[in-house]
N, C-alpha and C. Protein backbone atom coordinates (compact mmCIF):
# COMPACT_ATOMS: atom_id res chain seq x y z
N UNK A 1 281.88 147.64 61.18
CA UNK A 1 283.28 147.30 60.95
C UNK A 1 283.72 148.01 62.37
N UNK A 2 284.76 147.47 62.90
CA UNK A 2 285.27 147.53 64.09
C UNK A 2 286.99 148.31 64.39
N UNK A 3 287.35 149.00 62.99
CA UNK A 3 288.44 149.38 62.81
C UNK A 3 287.71 150.70 62.59
N UNK A 4 288.66 152.24 63.28
CA UNK A 4 288.03 152.86 63.09
C UNK A 4 288.82 153.66 62.03
N UNK A 5 288.25 154.56 61.44
CA UNK A 5 288.73 155.22 60.30
C UNK A 5 288.47 157.14 60.10
N UNK A 6 289.90 157.63 59.88
CA UNK A 6 289.59 159.12 60.11
C UNK A 6 289.35 159.70 58.67
N UNK A 7 288.86 160.31 58.08
CA UNK A 7 288.96 160.82 56.93
C UNK A 7 288.94 162.06 56.92
N UNK A 8 290.17 162.64 56.75
CA UNK A 8 290.31 164.04 56.60
C UNK A 8 290.62 164.69 55.46
N UNK A 9 289.91 165.08 54.80
CA UNK A 9 289.84 165.89 53.32
C UNK A 9 290.04 167.42 54.01
N UNK A 10 290.89 168.08 53.90
CA UNK A 10 290.99 169.56 53.92
C UNK A 10 290.96 170.38 52.78
N UNK A 11 289.94 170.62 52.09
CA UNK A 11 289.60 171.15 51.06
C UNK A 11 290.36 172.37 50.87
N UNK A 12 290.54 173.64 52.10
CA UNK A 12 291.19 174.53 51.87
C UNK A 12 292.84 175.01 52.15
N UNK A 13 293.19 173.26 52.16
CA UNK A 13 294.59 173.19 52.16
C UNK A 13 295.04 172.19 50.87
N UNK A 14 294.28 172.37 49.82
CA UNK A 14 294.83 171.63 48.38
C UNK A 14 295.80 172.56 48.18
N UNK A 15 296.79 171.93 47.63
CA UNK A 15 297.59 172.66 46.66
C UNK A 15 297.33 172.18 45.27
N UNK A 16 297.23 173.14 44.31
CA UNK A 16 297.10 172.72 42.93
C UNK A 16 298.42 173.15 42.13
N UNK A 17 298.20 172.29 40.93
CA UNK A 17 299.38 172.55 40.36
C UNK A 17 299.20 172.60 39.16
N UNK A 18 299.93 173.78 38.36
CA UNK A 18 299.01 174.10 36.95
C UNK A 18 299.55 173.04 35.68
N UNK A 19 299.05 172.53 35.29
CA UNK A 19 299.40 171.22 33.88
C UNK A 19 298.41 172.00 32.56
N UNK A 20 299.48 171.37 31.57
CA UNK A 20 298.56 171.71 30.39
C UNK A 20 298.27 170.18 29.74
N UNK A 21 297.08 170.49 29.19
CA UNK A 21 296.82 169.47 28.11
C UNK A 21 296.45 169.99 26.61
N UNK A 22 296.99 169.33 25.44
CA UNK A 22 296.20 169.97 24.35
C UNK A 22 295.05 169.91 24.10
N UNK A 23 294.40 171.01 23.53
CA UNK A 23 292.99 171.42 23.35
C UNK A 23 292.96 171.81 21.69
N UNK A 24 292.27 170.71 21.05
CA UNK A 24 292.25 170.91 19.49
C UNK A 24 291.56 171.87 19.27
N UNK A 25 291.81 173.04 18.46
CA UNK A 25 291.05 173.96 17.41
C UNK A 25 291.57 175.29 18.29
N UNK A 26 292.26 175.10 19.47
CA UNK A 26 292.09 176.23 20.48
C UNK A 26 293.67 176.80 20.43
N UNK A 27 293.85 177.92 20.11
CA UNK A 27 295.33 178.70 19.88
C UNK A 27 295.00 180.12 20.94
N UNK A 28 295.98 179.44 22.43
CA UNK A 28 295.93 180.47 23.45
C UNK A 28 297.26 181.46 23.43
N UNK A 29 297.56 182.15 23.11
CA UNK A 29 298.90 183.17 22.78
C UNK A 29 299.61 182.88 24.14
N UNK A 30 300.79 182.60 23.93
CA UNK A 30 301.81 182.24 24.54
C UNK A 30 301.77 180.71 24.92
N UNK A 31 300.97 179.91 24.20
CA UNK A 31 300.95 178.62 24.60
C UNK A 31 301.40 177.64 23.37
N UNK A 32 301.88 176.56 23.57
CA UNK A 32 302.19 175.83 21.93
C UNK A 32 301.43 175.02 22.01
N UNK A 33 300.89 174.88 20.66
CA UNK A 33 299.90 173.49 20.19
C UNK A 33 298.54 174.02 20.88
N UNK A 34 298.08 175.02 20.98
CA UNK A 34 296.92 175.22 21.28
C UNK A 34 296.46 174.68 22.85
N UNK A 35 297.60 174.77 23.61
CA UNK A 35 297.21 173.89 25.13
C UNK A 35 296.51 175.04 26.13
N UNK A 36 295.67 174.37 26.84
CA UNK A 36 295.23 175.37 27.98
C UNK A 36 295.44 174.91 29.24
N UNK A 37 295.64 175.72 30.14
CA UNK A 37 296.08 174.95 31.62
C UNK A 37 295.11 174.53 32.33
N UNK A 38 295.24 173.58 33.03
CA UNK A 38 294.07 172.81 34.08
C UNK A 38 294.46 172.67 35.28
N UNK A 39 293.92 172.79 36.52
CA UNK A 39 294.37 172.23 37.53
C UNK A 39 294.00 171.04 37.93
N UNK A 40 294.86 170.39 38.55
CA UNK A 40 294.57 169.20 39.03
C UNK A 40 295.01 168.69 40.98
N UNK A 41 294.35 167.77 41.45
CA UNK A 41 294.29 167.73 43.09
C UNK A 41 295.48 167.11 43.25
N UNK A 42 296.36 166.71 44.67
CA UNK A 42 297.22 166.55 44.38
C UNK A 42 296.51 164.85 45.19
N UNK A 43 297.18 163.58 44.93
CA UNK A 43 296.39 162.54 45.34
C UNK A 43 296.39 161.98 46.64
N UNK A 44 295.44 161.71 47.12
CA UNK A 44 294.70 161.05 48.32
C UNK A 44 295.78 159.92 48.93
N UNK A 45 296.13 160.62 49.93
CA UNK A 45 297.22 159.73 51.13
C UNK A 45 296.66 158.94 51.91
N UNK A 46 296.68 157.46 51.59
CA UNK A 46 295.92 156.83 52.75
C UNK A 46 297.13 155.84 53.37
N UNK A 47 296.89 155.88 54.52
CA UNK A 47 297.60 155.57 55.49
C UNK A 47 296.62 154.36 56.12
N UNK A 48 297.48 153.16 56.74
CA UNK A 48 296.92 152.02 57.73
C UNK A 48 297.80 151.78 58.98
N UNK A 49 297.44 152.14 59.68
CA UNK A 49 297.69 152.13 61.22
C UNK A 49 297.53 151.10 61.91
N UNK A 50 298.50 150.10 62.23
CA UNK A 50 298.02 148.63 62.99
C UNK A 50 298.43 148.88 64.17
N UNK A 51 297.76 148.97 65.26
CA UNK A 51 297.76 149.15 66.60
C UNK A 51 297.04 148.10 67.52
N UNK A 52 297.70 148.26 68.92
CA UNK A 52 297.50 147.04 69.90
C UNK A 52 296.75 148.32 70.92
N UNK A 53 295.29 147.75 71.03
CA UNK A 53 294.56 148.68 71.91
C UNK A 53 295.04 148.92 73.30
N UNK A 54 295.26 149.75 73.80
CA UNK A 54 295.22 149.94 75.01
C UNK A 54 297.12 149.97 75.47
N UNK A 55 297.67 150.22 74.64
CA UNK A 55 299.35 150.60 74.67
C UNK A 55 299.56 151.50 74.49
N UNK A 56 300.22 152.51 75.19
CA UNK A 56 301.25 153.58 75.12
C UNK A 56 301.57 154.20 73.93
N UNK A 57 302.20 152.77 72.97
CA UNK A 57 302.93 153.68 71.71
C UNK A 57 302.02 153.26 70.96
N UNK A 58 300.90 152.68 71.05
CA UNK A 58 300.26 152.70 69.82
C UNK A 58 299.21 153.71 70.03
N UNK A 59 298.76 154.47 71.16
CA UNK A 59 298.22 155.44 71.39
C UNK A 59 298.60 157.03 70.73
N UNK A 60 300.41 156.51 71.08
CA UNK A 60 301.17 157.92 70.68
C UNK A 60 301.32 157.87 69.11
N UNK A 61 301.37 156.59 69.03
CA UNK A 61 301.64 156.53 67.09
C UNK A 61 300.21 157.16 66.29
N UNK A 62 299.07 156.79 67.29
CA UNK A 62 297.64 157.48 66.18
C UNK A 62 297.79 159.04 66.43
N UNK A 63 298.24 159.58 67.75
CA UNK A 63 298.28 161.12 68.18
C UNK A 63 299.57 161.64 67.04
N UNK A 64 300.65 161.09 67.03
CA UNK A 64 301.66 161.19 66.09
C UNK A 64 301.54 161.69 64.77
N UNK A 65 300.67 160.62 64.17
CA UNK A 65 300.20 160.56 62.83
C UNK A 65 299.13 161.68 62.66
N UNK A 66 298.41 161.85 63.20
CA UNK A 66 297.15 162.81 63.27
C UNK A 66 298.10 164.15 63.10
N UNK A 67 298.84 164.52 64.29
CA UNK A 67 299.18 165.75 64.02
C UNK A 67 300.41 165.98 62.81
N UNK A 68 301.15 164.79 62.47
CA UNK A 68 301.65 165.02 61.35
C UNK A 68 300.99 165.26 60.05
N UNK A 69 300.12 164.69 59.86
CA UNK A 69 299.07 165.00 58.60
C UNK A 69 298.77 166.25 58.52
N UNK A 70 298.15 166.40 59.88
CA UNK A 70 297.51 168.13 60.13
C UNK A 70 298.19 169.03 59.53
N UNK A 71 299.62 168.94 59.78
CA UNK A 71 300.82 170.05 59.97
C UNK A 71 301.63 169.68 58.66
N UNK A 72 301.77 168.60 57.96
CA UNK A 72 302.55 168.43 57.22
C UNK A 72 302.10 167.99 55.46
N UNK A 73 300.82 167.49 55.53
CA UNK A 73 300.22 167.24 54.46
C UNK A 73 299.39 167.96 54.03
N UNK A 74 299.66 168.68 52.78
CA UNK A 74 298.52 169.62 52.46
C UNK A 74 297.18 169.33 51.34
N UNK A 75 297.33 168.24 51.13
CA UNK A 75 296.44 167.66 50.22
C UNK A 75 295.40 166.72 51.33
N UNK A 76 294.41 165.93 50.50
CA UNK A 76 293.80 165.12 51.32
C UNK A 76 294.37 163.89 51.73
N UNK A 77 294.00 163.29 52.95
CA UNK A 77 294.45 162.12 53.60
C UNK A 77 293.35 161.51 54.25
N UNK A 78 293.85 159.96 54.49
CA UNK A 78 292.80 159.28 55.29
C UNK A 78 293.63 157.92 56.19
N UNK A 79 293.43 158.04 57.08
CA UNK A 79 294.20 157.42 58.24
C UNK A 79 293.12 156.68 58.80
N UNK A 80 293.16 155.04 58.38
CA UNK A 80 292.72 154.01 59.08
C UNK A 80 293.34 153.25 60.08
N UNK A 81 292.82 153.38 61.45
CA UNK A 81 293.72 152.22 62.49
C UNK A 81 292.91 150.87 62.52
N UNK A 82 293.56 150.06 62.73
CA UNK A 82 293.35 148.85 62.80
C UNK A 82 293.86 148.14 64.17
N UNK A 83 293.03 147.92 64.95
CA UNK A 83 293.42 147.09 66.24
C UNK A 83 293.82 145.59 65.96
N UNK A 84 294.82 145.09 66.17
CA UNK A 84 295.54 143.63 65.84
C UNK A 84 294.53 142.81 66.70
N UNK A 85 293.95 143.22 68.06
CA UNK A 85 293.29 142.32 68.74
C UNK A 85 291.82 141.97 68.02
N UNK A 86 291.54 143.15 67.61
CA UNK A 86 290.26 142.81 67.31
C UNK A 86 289.77 142.10 65.58
N UNK A 87 290.96 142.45 64.80
CA UNK A 87 290.98 142.35 63.36
C UNK A 87 292.39 141.55 63.14
N UNK A 88 292.66 140.40 64.02
CA UNK A 88 294.05 139.60 63.56
C UNK A 88 293.86 139.25 62.24
N UNK A 89 293.00 138.88 61.51
CA UNK A 89 293.25 138.13 60.04
C UNK A 89 293.80 139.61 59.40
N UNK A 90 293.24 140.53 59.10
CA UNK A 90 293.62 141.77 58.24
C UNK A 90 295.31 142.21 58.79
N UNK A 91 295.45 141.82 60.24
CA UNK A 91 297.19 142.05 60.72
C UNK A 91 297.81 140.80 59.98
N UNK A 92 297.43 139.74 59.91
CA UNK A 92 298.11 138.22 58.91
C UNK A 92 298.09 138.79 57.94
N UNK A 93 297.12 139.08 56.97
CA UNK A 93 296.88 139.39 55.78
C UNK A 93 298.40 140.62 55.29
N UNK A 94 298.37 141.61 55.89
CA UNK A 94 299.40 142.43 55.55
C UNK A 94 300.91 142.24 56.44
N UNK A 95 301.01 141.07 56.91
CA UNK A 95 302.12 140.65 57.40
C UNK A 95 302.66 141.55 58.82
N UNK A 96 302.17 141.69 59.62
CA UNK A 96 302.00 142.54 60.38
C UNK A 96 302.58 141.77 61.91
N UNK A 97 303.53 141.92 62.26
CA UNK A 97 304.45 141.42 63.43
C UNK A 97 304.83 142.03 64.57
N UNK A 98 304.49 143.41 64.11
CA UNK A 98 304.69 144.49 65.57
C UNK A 98 303.76 145.60 65.75
N UNK A 99 303.72 146.05 66.35
CA UNK A 99 302.70 147.55 66.63
C UNK A 99 303.59 148.39 67.48
N UNK A 100 303.23 149.51 67.29
CA UNK A 100 302.47 150.19 65.71
C UNK A 100 303.11 149.84 64.86
N UNK A 101 302.48 150.02 63.78
CA UNK A 101 303.04 149.61 62.33
C UNK A 101 302.22 150.58 61.51
N UNK A 102 302.93 151.65 60.70
CA UNK A 102 302.20 152.23 59.88
C UNK A 102 302.53 151.75 58.43
N UNK A 103 301.56 151.91 57.22
CA UNK A 103 301.52 151.40 55.93
C UNK A 103 301.10 152.49 55.54
N UNK A 104 301.74 153.22 54.50
CA UNK A 104 301.48 153.76 53.40
C UNK A 104 300.91 153.02 52.17
N UNK A 105 299.58 153.25 51.83
CA UNK A 105 298.86 152.31 51.08
C UNK A 105 298.99 152.95 49.67
N UNK A 106 298.73 154.48 49.63
CA UNK A 106 298.97 155.29 48.37
C UNK A 106 298.94 156.62 48.49
N UNK A 107 299.61 157.32 47.75
CA UNK A 107 300.35 156.52 46.21
C UNK A 107 301.19 155.75 46.59
N UNK A 108 301.91 155.05 45.46
CA UNK A 108 302.94 154.62 45.40
C UNK A 108 304.05 155.36 45.61
N UNK A 109 305.52 154.70 45.77
CA UNK A 109 305.44 153.42 46.52
C UNK A 109 305.11 153.49 47.97
N UNK A 110 304.61 151.94 48.34
CA UNK A 110 304.13 152.26 49.50
C UNK A 110 305.55 152.10 50.39
N UNK A 111 305.06 151.82 51.93
CA UNK A 111 306.44 151.79 52.78
C UNK A 111 305.85 151.44 53.90
N UNK A 112 306.46 150.64 55.17
CA UNK A 112 306.46 150.75 56.32
C UNK A 112 307.13 151.04 57.34
N UNK A 113 306.30 151.57 58.69
CA UNK A 113 307.34 152.12 59.66
C UNK A 113 306.74 151.45 60.77
N UNK A 114 307.99 150.80 61.74
CA UNK A 114 307.26 150.46 62.75
C UNK A 114 307.62 151.72 64.01
N UNK A 115 306.60 151.71 64.78
CA UNK A 115 307.21 152.33 66.39
C UNK A 115 305.93 153.36 66.28
N UNK A 116 306.42 154.43 67.16
CA UNK A 116 305.37 155.25 67.40
C UNK A 116 305.52 156.82 66.53
N UNK A 117 306.40 156.69 65.85
CA UNK A 117 306.63 157.68 64.92
C UNK A 117 306.68 159.26 65.46
N UNK A 118 307.36 159.28 66.44
CA UNK A 118 307.76 160.38 66.87
C UNK A 118 309.06 161.19 66.52
N UNK A 119 309.63 160.45 65.61
CA UNK A 119 310.52 161.24 65.35
C UNK A 119 310.27 161.80 63.80
N UNK A 120 309.60 162.65 63.39
CA UNK A 120 308.76 163.62 62.47
C UNK A 120 309.67 163.23 61.11
N UNK A 121 310.63 163.96 61.27
CA UNK A 121 311.35 164.55 60.20
C UNK A 121 312.00 162.91 59.42
N UNK A 122 312.38 161.87 60.35
CA UNK A 122 312.58 160.78 59.79
C UNK A 122 311.00 159.76 59.08
N UNK A 123 309.90 159.98 59.59
CA UNK A 123 309.00 159.92 59.35
C UNK A 123 308.53 160.33 58.09
N UNK A 124 308.66 161.89 58.08
CA UNK A 124 308.52 162.20 56.43
C UNK A 124 309.17 161.97 55.51
N UNK A 125 310.34 161.71 55.87
CA UNK A 125 311.44 161.80 54.65
C UNK A 125 310.89 159.95 54.24
N UNK A 126 310.78 159.24 54.97
CA UNK A 126 310.30 157.87 55.05
C UNK A 126 309.18 157.44 53.75
N UNK A 127 308.18 158.59 54.27
CA UNK A 127 306.96 158.57 53.55
C UNK A 127 306.85 159.31 52.26
N UNK A 128 307.84 160.33 52.16
CA UNK A 128 308.20 160.81 50.74
C UNK A 128 307.52 162.00 50.83
N UNK A 129 307.04 162.49 52.19
CA UNK A 129 306.45 163.95 52.32
C UNK A 129 307.42 164.75 52.34
N UNK A 130 307.49 165.98 51.81
CA UNK A 130 308.16 167.14 51.46
C UNK A 130 307.89 168.05 52.85
N UNK A 131 308.86 168.49 53.68
CA UNK A 131 309.00 169.08 55.13
C UNK A 131 308.35 170.85 54.95
N UNK A 132 307.46 170.92 55.34
CA UNK A 132 306.84 172.31 55.44
C UNK A 132 307.47 172.85 56.71
N UNK A 133 308.37 174.18 56.12
CA UNK A 133 308.89 175.21 57.15
C UNK A 133 307.86 175.58 58.26
N UNK A 134 308.35 175.82 59.60
CA UNK A 134 306.96 176.29 60.61
C UNK A 134 307.20 177.65 60.54
């Protein structure tokens, strides 16, 4: 496989959300209909970043996306970096016309951002990621 893939699963950074699911035959004080709380993990964020190897904007986009995820993504994420010169068929299949191009693959909705990803606030907004105050 000629694409590089960064799989960053930061277990200590997981945020959990309290949810309830009915449990038949159980009555818990303070809950309705015998519901017991359970914890769920946030969805895995998957990114695909198309680059042109050796270009400054592509290198900057990889660095900016990595820093953005380390700083602002609280759950697990995966970054797949694809060099359009090494895998032109994948770039064509995804309709890539310029590099660097970031595709948020999951969770839905997907989106595309073209450029070096240097405007962190705008990138976070476009990706639907909540800004964490530093």
